[in-house]
C-alpha atoms as a PDB file:
ATOM      1  CA  MET A   1       0.561  16.338  32.898  1.00  0.00           C
ATOM      2  CA  SER A   2       1.815  19.660  31.665  1.00  0.00           C
ATOM      3  CA  THR A   3       0.916  20.308  28.044  1.00  0.00           C
ATOM      4  CA  GLN A   4       3.009  23.431  27.607  1.00  0.00           C
ATOM      5  CA  ASN A   5       6.172  21.489  26.710  1.00  0.00           C
ATOM      6  CA  PHE A   6       4.655  19.452  23.885  1.00  0.00           C
ATOM      7  CA  ILE A   7       6.057  20.195  20.440  1.00  0.00           C
ATOM      8  CA  PRO A   8       3.658  20.714  17.518  1.00  0.00           C
ATOM      9  CA  LEU A   9       4.246  18.224  14.728  1.00  0.00           C
ATOM     10  CA  GLN A  10       4.080  20.990  12.150  1.00  0.00           C
ATOM     11  CA  GLN A  11       7.128  22.577  13.771  1.00  0.00           C
ATOM     12  CA  LEU A  12       8.948  19.228  13.697  1.00  0.00           C
ATOM     13  CA  CYS A  13       8.010  18.714  10.042  1.00  0.00           C
ATOM     14  CA  THR A  14       9.553  22.054   9.160  1.00  0.00           C
ATOM     15  CA  HIS A  15      12.662  21.506  11.263  1.00  0.00           C
ATOM     16  CA  TYR A  16      13.402  17.957  10.065  1.00  0.00           C
ATOM     17  CA  GLN A  17      12.065  18.481   6.545  1.00  0.00           C
ATOM     18  CA  VAL A  18       9.621  15.573   6.625  1.00  0.00           C
ATOM     19  CA  GLU A  19       5.923  15.400   5.891  1.00  0.00           C
ATOM     20  CA  LEU A  20       3.222  15.084   8.530  1.00  0.00           C
ATOM     21  CA  SER A  21       2.332  11.666   7.111  1.00  0.00           C
ATOM     22  CA  PHE A  22       5.776  10.439   8.237  1.00  0.00           C
ATOM     23  CA  PHE A  23       4.848  11.079  11.873  1.00  0.00           C
ATOM     24  CA  THR A  24       1.361   9.670  11.319  1.00  0.00           C
ATOM     25  CA  ASN A  25       2.857   6.439   9.963  1.00  0.00           C
ATOM     26  CA  LEU A  26       5.238   6.226  12.930  1.00  0.00           C
ATOM     27  CA  SER A  27       2.282   6.629  15.258  1.00  0.00           C
ATOM     28  CA  GLU A  28       0.246   3.973  13.438  1.00  0.00           C
ATOM     29  CA  ILE A  29       2.946   1.336  13.927  1.00  0.00           C
ATOM     30  CA  GLY A  30       3.460   2.362  17.558  1.00  0.00           C
ATOM     31  CA  LEU A  31       6.903   3.945  17.461  1.00  0.00           C
ATOM     32  CA  ILE A  32       5.674   7.323  18.707  1.00  0.00           C
ATOM     33  CA  GLU A  33       2.566   8.597  20.437  1.00  0.00           C
ATOM     34  CA  ILE A  34       0.926  11.699  19.034  1.00  0.00           C
ATOM     35  CA  GLU A  35      -1.045  13.837  21.477  1.00  0.00           C
ATOM     36  CA  THR A  36      -3.675  16.312  20.312  1.00  0.00           C
ATOM     37  CA  ILE A  37      -3.427  19.596  22.193  1.00  0.00           C
ATOM     38  CA  GLU A  38      -5.726  22.459  21.270  1.00  0.00           C
ATOM     39  CA  GLN A  39      -6.604  20.638  18.025  1.00  0.00           C
ATOM     40  CA  SER A  40      -2.950  20.433  17.015  1.00  0.00           C
ATOM     41  CA  PRO A  41      -1.038  17.135  16.834  1.00  0.00           C
ATOM     42  CA  CYS A  42       1.972  17.275  19.149  1.00  0.00           C
ATOM     43  CA  LEU A  43       4.824  15.139  20.390  1.00  0.00           C
ATOM     44  CA  HIS A  44       6.147  14.859  23.923  1.00  0.00           C
ATOM     45  CA  PRO A  45       9.706  16.262  24.212  1.00  0.00           C
ATOM     46  CA  ASP A  46      10.945  12.974  25.728  1.00  0.00           C
ATOM     47  CA  LYS A  47      10.435  11.337  22.332  1.00  0.00           C
ATOM     48  CA  ILE A  48      12.629  13.766  20.386  1.00  0.00           C
ATOM     49  CA  ILE A  49      15.763  11.619  20.729  1.00  0.00           C
ATOM     50  CA  ALA A  50      13.918   8.598  19.306  1.00  0.00           C
ATOM     51  CA  VAL A  51      12.453  10.726  16.511  1.00  0.00           C
ATOM     52  CA  GLU A  52      15.900  12.030  15.600  1.00  0.00           C
ATOM     53  CA  LYS A  53      17.227   8.457  15.432  1.00  0.00           C
ATOM     54  CA  ILE A  54      14.292   7.440  13.260  1.00  0.00           C
ATOM     55  CA  ILE A  55      14.759  10.363  10.894  1.00  0.00           C
ATOM     56  CA  ARG A  56      18.494   9.693  10.640  1.00  0.00           C
ATOM     57  CA  ILE A  57      17.849   6.040   9.789  1.00  0.00           C
ATOM     58  CA  HIS A  58      15.198   7.056   7.277  1.00  0.00           C
ATOM     59  CA  HIS A  59      17.277   9.731   5.527  1.00  0.00           C
ATOM     60  CA  GLU A  60      20.845   8.437   5.743  1.00  0.00           C
ATOM     61  CA  LEU A  61      20.164   4.740   5.267  1.00  0.00           C
ATOM     62  CA  GLU A  62      17.006   5.176   3.179  1.00  0.00           C
ATOM     63  CA  VAL A  63      15.080   2.704   5.340  1.00  0.00           C
ATOM     64  CA  ASN A  64      11.291   2.674   5.016  1.00  0.00           C
ATOM     65  CA  ILE A  65       8.859   2.858   7.957  1.00  0.00           C
ATOM     66  CA  GLU A  66       8.498  -0.924   8.236  1.00  0.00           C
ATOM     67  CA  GLY A  67      12.286  -1.337   8.298  1.00  0.00           C
ATOM     68  CA  ILE A  68      12.566   1.306  10.997  1.00  0.00           C
ATOM     69  CA  ASP A  69      10.010  -0.613  13.047  1.00  0.00           C
ATOM     70  CA  VAL A  70      12.097  -3.788  12.749  1.00  0.00           C
ATOM     71  CA  ILE A  71      15.321  -1.943  13.606  1.00  0.00           C
ATOM     72  CA  PHE A  72      13.820  -0.342  16.715  1.00  0.00           C
ATOM     73  CA  HIS A  73      12.431  -3.654  17.960  1.00  0.00           C
ATOM     74  CA  LEU A  74      15.820  -5.305  17.445  1.00  0.00           C
ATOM     75  CA  LEU A  75      17.555  -2.442  19.269  1.00  0.00           C
ATOM     76  CA  GLN A  76      15.084  -2.797  22.123  1.00  0.00           C
ATOM     77  CA  LYS A  77      15.810  -6.542  22.352  1.00  0.00           C
ATOM     78  CA  LEU A  78      19.550  -5.809  22.289  1.00  0.00           C
ATOM     79  CA  GLU A  79      19.203  -3.343  25.177  1.00  0.00           C
ATOM     80  CA  GLU A  80      17.209  -5.921  27.147  1.00  0.00           C
ATOM     81  CA  LYS A  81      19.941  -8.522  26.577  1.00  0.00           C
ATOM     82  CA  GLU A  82      22.648  -6.065  27.638  1.00  0.00           C
ATOM     83  CA  ILE A  83      20.776  -5.394  30.888  1.00  0.00           C
ATOM     84  CA  GLU A  84      20.366  -9.128  31.438  1.00  0.00           C
ATOM     85  CA  LEU A  85      24.081  -9.699  30.765  1.00  0.00           C
ATOM     86  CA  ILE A  86      25.068  -7.041  33.313  1.00  0.00           C
ATOM     87  CA  TYR A  87      22.718  -8.609  35.863  1.00  0.00           C
ATOM     88  CA  LEU A  88      24.158 -12.071  35.269  1.00  0.00           C
ATOM     89  CA  LYS A  89      27.750 -10.805  35.466  1.00  0.00           C
ATOM     90  CA  ASN A  90      26.955  -9.183  38.793  1.00  0.00           C
ATOM     91  CA  ARG A  91      25.417 -12.406  40.088  1.00  0.00           C
ATOM     92  CA  LEU A  92      28.416 -14.389  38.885  1.00  0.00           C
ATOM     93  CA  GLY A  93      30.699 -11.927  40.648  1.00  0.00           C
ATOM     94  CA  ILE A  94      29.077 -12.865  43.948  1.00  0.00           C
ATOM     95  CA  TYR A  95      30.194 -16.487  43.551  1.00  0.00           C
ATOM     96  CA  GLU A  96      33.678 -15.644  42.272  1.00  0.00           C
ATOM     97  CA  ASN A  97      34.613 -13.651  45.374  1.00  0.00           C
END
């Protein structure tokens, strides 16, 4: 795994104007995974989109960390149901033709 693309959390804290404890709390509840590279906590670039969603929910809607956890789990369930619905529609299409 290439470590050169990881983003230091300190840089993210400055950019998004949040404290390091915000990312630590997200990591503790399992919403993000913090990697330590050269003794610096970092985040994989693939997680930036999720982090931006989390920060937007936190700032704009004033939702706390626990609420964000609930929202993300509900969104994940919704995505799973959408995939299941598409699968079932495709199977139904086989019998309708």
